[in-house]
């Protein structure tokens, strides 16, 4: 009984999460665009620094 209830709750939570992602996708696209670009830029530089350190 408890396991089936937990499974049902997890399924509902997953569906809600997916719908939430689709619903907020456009908002994130506009709101976090600058932050995402800044993060990817700094992350790319960090990866280049790691690769350069490994080659040396």
C-alpha atoms as a PDB file:
ATOM      1  CA  UNK A   1       0.000   0.000   0.000  1.00  0.00           C
ATOM      2  CA  UNK A   2       2.723   2.429   1.020  1.00  0.00           C
ATOM      3  CA  UNK A   3       4.993   1.545  -1.905  1.00  0.00           C
ATOM      4  CA  UNK A   4       2.180   1.968  -4.448  1.00  0.00           C
ATOM      5  CA  UNK A   5       1.293   5.345  -2.929  1.00  0.00           C
ATOM      6  CA  UNK A   6       4.942   6.413  -3.094  1.00  0.00           C
ATOM      7  CA  UNK A   7       5.153   5.272  -6.725  1.00  0.00           C
ATOM      8  CA  UNK A   8       1.997   7.233  -7.568  1.00  0.00           C
ATOM      9  CA  UNK A   9       3.360  10.313  -5.813  1.00  0.00           C
ATOM     10  CA  UNK A  10       6.667  10.061  -7.697  1.00  0.00           C
ATOM     11  CA  UNK A  11       4.834   9.688 -11.021  1.00  0.00           C
ATOM     12  CA  UNK A  12       2.686  12.765 -10.328  1.00  0.00           C
ATOM     13  CA  UNK A  13       5.770  14.689  -9.230  1.00  0.00           C
ATOM     14  CA  UNK A  14       7.616  13.753 -12.428  1.00  0.00           C
ATOM     15  CA  UNK A  15       4.674  14.814 -14.632  1.00  0.00           C
ATOM     16  CA  UNK A  16       4.347  18.083 -12.712  1.00  0.00           C
ATOM     17  CA  UNK A  17       8.092  18.675 -13.056  1.00  0.00           C
ATOM     18  CA  UNK A  18       7.990  18.094 -16.833  1.00  0.00           C
ATOM     19  CA  UNK A  19       4.995  20.421 -17.249  1.00  0.00           C
ATOM     20  CA  UNK A  20       6.718  23.002 -15.055  1.00  0.00           C
ATOM     21  CA  UNK A  21       9.861  22.814 -17.217  1.00  0.00           C
ATOM     22  CA  UNK A  22       7.854  23.321 -20.420  1.00  0.00           C
ATOM     23  CA  UNK A  23       5.849  26.147 -18.862  1.00  0.00           C
ATOM     24  CA  UNK A  24       8.852  28.071 -17.531  1.00  0.00           C
ATOM     25  CA  UNK A  25      11.155  27.383 -20.489  1.00  0.00           C
ATOM     26  CA  UNK A  26      10.420  30.634 -22.323  1.00  0.00           C
ATOM     27  CA  UNK A  27      10.677  32.645 -19.103  1.00  0.00           C
ATOM     28  CA  UNK A  28      14.085  31.139 -18.359  1.00  0.00           C
ATOM     29  CA  UNK A  29      15.128  31.796 -21.945  1.00  0.00           C
ATOM     30  CA  UNK A  30      14.656  35.535 -21.429  1.00  0.00           C
ATOM     31  CA  UNK A  31      15.418  35.864 -17.707  1.00  0.00           C
ATOM     32  CA  UNK A  32      18.587  33.734 -17.523  1.00  0.00           C
ATOM     33  CA  UNK A  33      19.950  34.338 -21.017  1.00  0.00           C
ATOM     34  CA  UNK A  34      22.708  36.689 -19.863  1.00  0.00           C
ATOM     35  CA  UNK A  35      23.561  34.525 -16.834  1.00  0.00           C
ATOM     36  CA  UNK A  36      23.728  31.360 -18.954  1.00  0.00           C
ATOM     37  CA  UNK A  37      26.009  32.993 -21.520  1.00  0.00           C
ATOM     38  CA  UNK A  38      28.252  34.304 -18.739  1.00  0.00           C
ATOM     39  CA  UNK A  39      28.342  30.855 -17.099  1.00  0.00           C
ATOM     40  CA  UNK A  40      29.106  29.038 -20.373  1.00  0.00           C
ATOM     41  CA  UNK A  41      31.809  31.578 -21.194  1.00  0.00           C
ATOM     42  CA  UNK A  42      33.561  31.214 -17.822  1.00  0.00           C
ATOM     43  CA  UNK A  43      33.044  27.430 -17.902  1.00  0.00           C
ATOM     44  CA  UNK A  44      34.633  27.230 -21.355  1.00  0.00           C
ATOM     45  CA  UNK A  45      37.637  29.238 -20.168  1.00  0.00           C
ATOM     46  CA  UNK A  46      37.917  26.907 -17.150  1.00  0.00           C
ATOM     47  CA  UNK A  47      37.900  23.841 -19.449  1.00  0.00           C
ATOM     48  CA  UNK A  48      40.565  25.402 -21.676  1.00  0.00           C
ATOM     49  CA  UNK A  49      42.706  26.083 -18.606  1.00  0.00           C
ATOM     50  CA  UNK A  50      42.343  22.441 -17.487  1.00  0.00           C
ATOM     51  CA  UNK A  51      43.233  21.137 -20.963  1.00  0.00           C
ATOM     52  CA  UNK A  52      46.229  23.460 -21.152  1.00  0.00           C
ATOM     53  CA  UNK A  53      47.374  22.276 -17.724  1.00  0.00           C
ATOM     54  CA  UNK A  54      47.056  18.611 -18.784  1.00  0.00           C
ATOM     55  CA  UNK A  55      49.021  19.148 -21.998  1.00  0.00           C
ATOM     56  CA  UNK A  56      51.844  20.791 -20.035  1.00  0.00           C
END
